[in-house]
Amino acid sequence: MKSTLTSLYATLCAALGGILLAACANTPPAPHWQTSAFAALNAYTGAYLSGNSRIAQLEFDRAQADIASTGRADLMARLQLVRCATELASLVLQPCTSYLALAQDAQPPEQAYATFLSGQWAGLDPALLPAGYQTWLAQSTPLSQLTDPLSR
């Protein structure tokens, strides 16, 4: 009887320890708007670069609605920069007017990225750019050295 109780106690302690360990190790899931906007933005990029403008616009609108639900203008500015970067990658060379309307709400990294996309690199702080561009801009290496195909 004593060995059964000891065994039961050991099993309960192990189970409780496992539960506590799992509770401490888990991170909360990302908010729904974030995962939905990320998926929509990836779908937008893929559709746009494939020439499917109708699907691209639907996915962009979905990402925009998800981000608008946060009320954060800085995230909306970042979304517009992704759109401008995607267009630029497909050689649509026009000003990023959708971003310019939100530029005053953008954070310094987004402002630097907008400057980078516009081609005005004089005085640009590479440390504010996404990591893939920092080394590239600082060392003036060939575009082929960029690992992200969209960036190339």
C-alpha atoms as a PDB file:
ATOM      1  CA  MET A   1       0.000   0.000   0.000  1.00  0.00           C
ATOM      2  CA  LYS A   2       2.819   2.351   0.931  1.00  0.00           C
ATOM      3  CA  SER A   3       4.614   1.715  -2.370  1.00  0.00           C
ATOM      4  CA  THR A   4       1.377   2.411  -4.265  1.00  0.00           C
ATOM      5  CA  LEU A   5       0.967   5.753  -2.478  1.00  0.00           C
ATOM      6  CA  THR A   6       4.598   6.609  -3.070  1.00  0.00           C
ATOM      7  CA  SER A   7       4.236   5.723  -6.727  1.00  0.00           C
ATOM      8  CA  LEU A   8       1.035   7.779  -7.015  1.00  0.00           C
ATOM      9  CA  TYR A   9       2.680  10.712  -5.240  1.00  0.00           C
ATOM     10  CA  ALA A  10       5.706  10.534  -7.565  1.00  0.00           C
ATOM     11  CA  THR A  11       3.442  10.413 -10.607  1.00  0.00           C
ATOM     12  CA  LEU A  12       1.428  13.414  -9.398  1.00  0.00           C
ATOM     13  CA  CYS A  13       4.591  15.388  -8.639  1.00  0.00           C
ATOM     14  CA  ALA A  14       6.009  14.596 -12.064  1.00  0.00           C
ATOM     15  CA  ALA A  15       2.754  15.584 -13.747  1.00  0.00           C
ATOM     16  CA  LEU A  16       2.510  18.806 -11.743  1.00  0.00           C
ATOM     17  CA  GLY A  17       6.132  19.618 -12.498  1.00  0.00           C
ATOM     18  CA  GLY A  18       5.509  19.024 -16.185  1.00  0.00           C
ATOM     19  CA  ILE A  19       2.461  21.293 -16.141  1.00  0.00           C
ATOM     20  CA  LEU A  20       4.352  24.043 -14.326  1.00  0.00           C
ATOM     21  CA  LEU A  21       7.281  23.724 -16.701  1.00  0.00           C
ATOM     22  CA  ALA A  22       4.988  23.886 -19.716  1.00  0.00           C
ATOM     23  CA  ALA A  23       3.165  26.893 -18.280  1.00  0.00           C
ATOM     24  CA  CYS A  24       6.427  28.766 -17.785  1.00  0.00           C
ATOM     25  CA  ALA A  25       7.839  27.793 -21.179  1.00  0.00           C
ATOM     26  CA  ASN A  26       4.833  28.761 -23.296  1.00  0.00           C
ATOM     27  CA  THR A  27       4.601  32.194 -24.801  1.00  0.00           C
ATOM     28  CA  PRO A  28       1.203  33.672 -25.493  1.00  0.00           C
ATOM     29  CA  PRO A  29       0.012  33.295 -29.061  1.00  0.00           C
ATOM     30  CA  ALA A  30       0.228  36.276 -31.380  1.00  0.00           C
ATOM     31  CA  PRO A  31      -2.961  38.351 -31.598  1.00  0.00           C
ATOM     32  CA  HIS A  32      -5.353  37.298 -34.364  1.00  0.00           C
ATOM     33  CA  TRP A  33      -4.999  40.586 -36.237  1.00  0.00           C
ATOM     34  CA  GLN A  34      -1.239  40.083 -36.403  1.00  0.00           C
ATOM     35  CA  THR A  35      -1.292  36.573 -37.809  1.00  0.00           C
ATOM     36  CA  SER A  36      -4.098  37.446 -40.205  1.00  0.00           C
ATOM     37  CA  ALA A  37      -2.368  40.606 -41.449  1.00  0.00           C
ATOM     38  CA  PHE A  38       0.923  38.730 -41.898  1.00  0.00           C
ATOM     39  CA  ALA A  39      -0.774  36.007 -43.942  1.00  0.00           C
ATOM     40  CA  ALA A  40      -2.673  38.559 -46.033  1.00  0.00           C
ATOM     41  CA  LEU A  41       0.469  40.594 -46.657  1.00  0.00           C
ATOM     42  CA  ASN A  42       2.383  37.514 -47.802  1.00  0.00           C
ATOM     43  CA  ALA A  43      -0.534  36.570 -50.057  1.00  0.00           C
ATOM     44  CA  TYR A  44      -0.620  40.142 -51.410  1.00  0.00           C
ATOM     45  CA  THR A  45       3.085  40.066 -52.264  1.00  0.00           C
ATOM     46  CA  GLY A  46       2.816  36.695 -53.973  1.00  0.00           C
ATOM     47  CA  ALA A  47      -0.273  37.676 -55.960  1.00  0.00           C
ATOM     48  CA  TYR A  48       1.156  41.066 -56.948  1.00  0.00           C
ATOM     49  CA  LEU A  49       4.431  39.612 -58.158  1.00  0.00           C
ATOM     50  CA  SER A  50       2.514  36.916 -60.054  1.00  0.00           C
ATOM     51  CA  GLY A  51       0.521  39.569 -61.873  1.00  0.00           C
ATOM     52  CA  ASN A  52      -2.781  38.746 -60.194  1.00  0.00           C
ATOM     53  CA  SER A  53      -3.777  42.293 -59.334  1.00  0.00           C
ATOM     54  CA  ARG A  54      -7.357  41.472 -58.290  1.00  0.00           C
ATOM     55  CA  ILE A  55      -6.251  38.941 -55.647  1.00  0.00           C
ATOM     56  CA  ALA A  56      -3.385  41.229 -54.629  1.00  0.00           C
ATOM     57  CA  GLN A  57      -5.794  44.084 -53.948  1.00  0.00           C
ATOM     58  CA  LEU A  58      -8.168  41.828 -51.969  1.00  0.00           C
ATOM     59  CA  GLU A  59      -5.313  40.552 -49.805  1.00  0.00           C
ATOM     60  CA  PHE A  60      -3.898  44.028 -49.287  1.00  0.00           C
ATOM     61  CA  ASP A  61      -7.346  45.279 -48.242  1.00  0.00           C
ATOM     62  CA  ARG A  62      -7.602  42.384 -45.780  1.00  0.00           C
ATOM     63  CA  ALA A  63      -4.194  43.233 -44.266  1.00  0.00           C
ATOM     64  CA  GLN A  64      -5.170  46.888 -44.119  1.00  0.00           C
ATOM     65  CA  ALA A  65      -8.429  46.066 -42.281  1.00  0.00           C
ATOM     66  CA  ASP A  66      -6.557  43.885 -39.777  1.00  0.00           C
ATOM     67  CA  ILE A  67      -4.017  46.593 -39.067  1.00  0.00           C
ATOM     68  CA  ALA A  68      -6.650  49.333 -38.952  1.00  0.00           C
ATOM     69  CA  SER A  69      -8.338  47.413 -36.142  1.00  0.00           C
ATOM     70  CA  THR A  70      -5.333  48.206 -33.941  1.00  0.00           C
ATOM     71  CA  GLY A  71      -5.699  51.966 -34.358  1.00  0.00           C
ATOM     72  CA  ARG A  72      -1.928  52.248 -34.826  1.00  0.00           C
ATOM     73  CA  ALA A  73      -0.956  54.654 -37.584  1.00  0.00           C
ATOM     74  CA  ASP A  74       2.695  53.568 -37.364  1.00  0.00           C
ATOM     75  CA  LEU A  75       1.734  50.028 -38.385  1.00  0.00           C
ATOM     76  CA  MET A  76      -0.402  51.389 -41.199  1.00  0.00           C
ATOM     77  CA  ALA A  77       2.614  53.376 -42.409  1.00  0.00           C
ATOM     78  CA  ARG A  78       4.699  50.184 -42.339  1.00  0.00           C
ATOM     79  CA  LEU A  79       2.030  48.384 -44.365  1.00  0.00           C
ATOM     80  CA  GLN A  80       2.123  51.096 -47.004  1.00  0.00           C
ATOM     81  CA  LEU A  81       5.912  50.791 -47.165  1.00  0.00           C
ATOM     82  CA  VAL A  82       5.595  47.084 -47.870  1.00  0.00           C
ATOM     83  CA  ARG A  83       3.263  47.919 -50.728  1.00  0.00           C
ATOM     84  CA  CYS A  84       5.699  50.506 -52.096  1.00  0.00           C
ATOM     85  CA  ALA A  85       8.654  48.131 -51.759  1.00  0.00           C
ATOM     86  CA  THR A  86       6.760  45.394 -53.583  1.00  0.00           C
ATOM     87  CA  GLU A  87       5.872  47.775 -56.394  1.00  0.00           C
ATOM     88  CA  LEU A  88       9.457  48.990 -56.583  1.00  0.00           C
ATOM     89  CA  ALA A  89      10.709  45.399 -56.743  1.00  0.00           C
ATOM     90  CA  SER A  90       8.509  44.913 -59.794  1.00  0.00           C
ATOM     91  CA  LEU A  91       9.963  48.104 -61.309  1.00  0.00           C
ATOM     92  CA  VAL A  92       6.939  50.321 -60.761  1.00  0.00           C
ATOM     93  CA  LEU A  93       8.902  53.521 -60.255  1.00  0.00           C
ATOM     94  CA  GLN A  94       6.565  56.062 -58.728  1.00  0.00           C
ATOM     95  CA  PRO A  95       6.428  58.054 -55.481  1.00  0.00           C
ATOM     96  CA  CYS A  96       5.045  56.224 -52.485  1.00  0.00           C
ATOM     97  CA  THR A  97       2.106  58.564 -51.921  1.00  0.00           C
ATOM     98  CA  SER A  98       0.193  56.088 -49.747  1.00  0.00           C
ATOM     99  CA  TYR A  99       3.088  56.150 -47.258  1.00  0.00           C
ATOM    100  CA  LEU A 100       3.600  59.909 -47.475  1.00  0.00           C
ATOM    101  CA  ALA A 101       0.122  60.488 -46.055  1.00  0.00           C
ATOM    102  CA  LEU A 102       1.182  58.554 -42.924  1.00  0.00           C
ATOM    103  CA  ALA A 103       4.868  59.495 -42.756  1.00  0.00           C
ATOM    104  CA  GLN A 104       4.484  61.759 -39.726  1.00  0.00           C
ATOM    105  CA  ASP A 105       3.248  58.759 -37.704  1.00  0.00           C
ATOM    106  CA  ALA A 106       6.040  56.416 -38.807  1.00  0.00           C
ATOM    107  CA  GLN A 107       8.854  55.331 -36.514  1.00  0.00           C
ATOM    108  CA  PRO A 108      12.502  56.197 -37.408  1.00  0.00           C
ATOM    109  CA  PRO A 109      13.208  52.764 -38.974  1.00  0.00           C
ATOM    110  CA  GLU A 110      10.203  53.146 -41.281  1.00  0.00           C
ATOM    111  CA  GLN A 111      11.213  56.700 -42.146  1.00  0.00           C
ATOM    112  CA  ALA A 112      14.720  55.475 -42.999  1.00  0.00           C
ATOM    113  CA  TYR A 113      13.311  52.659 -45.129  1.00  0.00           C
ATOM    114  CA  ALA A 114      11.092  55.122 -47.002  1.00  0.00           C
ATOM    115  CA  THR A 115      14.136  57.288 -47.673  1.00  0.00           C
ATOM    116  CA  PHE A 116      16.030  54.207 -48.829  1.00  0.00           C
ATOM    117  CA  LEU A 117      13.210  53.216 -51.198  1.00  0.00           C
ATOM    118  CA  SER A 118      13.144  56.726 -52.643  1.00  0.00           C
ATOM    119  CA  GLY A 119      16.843  56.399 -53.547  1.00  0.00           C
ATOM    120  CA  GLN A 120      17.942  59.335 -51.369  1.00  0.00           C
ATOM    121  CA  TRP A 121      20.763  57.570 -49.565  1.00  0.00           C
ATOM    122  CA  ALA A 122      22.915  60.573 -48.627  1.00  0.00           C
ATOM    123  CA  GLY A 123      23.011  60.846 -44.848  1.00  0.00           C
ATOM    124  CA  LEU A 124      20.956  57.680 -44.383  1.00  0.00           C
ATOM    125  CA  ASP A 125      21.778  55.777 -41.200  1.00  0.00           C
ATOM    126  CA  PRO A 126      22.152  52.103 -42.276  1.00  0.00           C
ATOM    127  CA  ALA A 127      21.548  50.959 -38.692  1.00  0.00           C
ATOM    128  CA  LEU A 128      17.890  51.971 -39.056  1.00  0.00           C
ATOM    129  CA  LEU A 129      17.354  49.781 -42.108  1.00  0.00           C
ATOM    130  CA  PRO A 130      16.341  46.114 -42.113  1.00  0.00           C
ATOM    131  CA  ALA A 131      19.331  43.875 -41.435  1.00  0.00           C
ATOM    132  CA  GLY A 132      19.706  42.669 -45.017  1.00  0.00           C
ATOM    133  CA  TYR A 133      20.237  46.208 -46.262  1.00  0.00           C
ATOM    134  CA  GLN A 134      22.563  47.415 -43.498  1.00  0.00           C
ATOM    135  CA  THR A 135      25.635  45.540 -44.687  1.00  0.00           C
ATOM    136  CA  TRP A 136      24.737  45.968 -48.329  1.00  0.00           C
ATOM    137  CA  LEU A 137      24.475  49.754 -48.056  1.00  0.00           C
ATOM    138  CA  ALA A 138      27.486  50.178 -45.767  1.00  0.00           C
ATOM    139  CA  GLN A 139      29.792  48.103 -47.988  1.00  0.00           C
ATOM    140  CA  SER A 140      28.269  48.889 -51.388  1.00  0.00           C
ATOM    141  CA  THR A 141      28.213  45.193 -52.259  1.00  0.00           C
ATOM    142  CA  PRO A 142      26.463  43.907 -55.395  1.00  0.00           C
ATOM    143  CA  LEU A 143      22.709  43.356 -55.261  1.00  0.00           C
ATOM    144  CA  SER A 144      23.301  39.662 -55.825  1.00  0.00           C
ATOM    145  CA  GLN A 145      24.658  39.514 -52.246  1.00  0.00           C
ATOM    146  CA  LEU A 146      21.199  40.229 -50.805  1.00  0.00           C
ATOM    147  CA  THR A 147      19.659  36.963 -49.611  1.00  0.00           C
ATOM    148  CA  ASP A 148      16.002  37.952 -49.988  1.00  0.00           C
ATOM    149  CA  PRO A 149      14.925  37.541 -53.635  1.00  0.00           C
ATOM    150  CA  LEU A 150      12.353  40.339 -53.345  1.00  0.00           C
ATOM    151  CA  SER A 151      15.054  42.720 -52.137  1.00  0.00           C
ATOM    152  CA  ARG A 152      17.277  41.870 -55.086  1.00  0.00           C
END
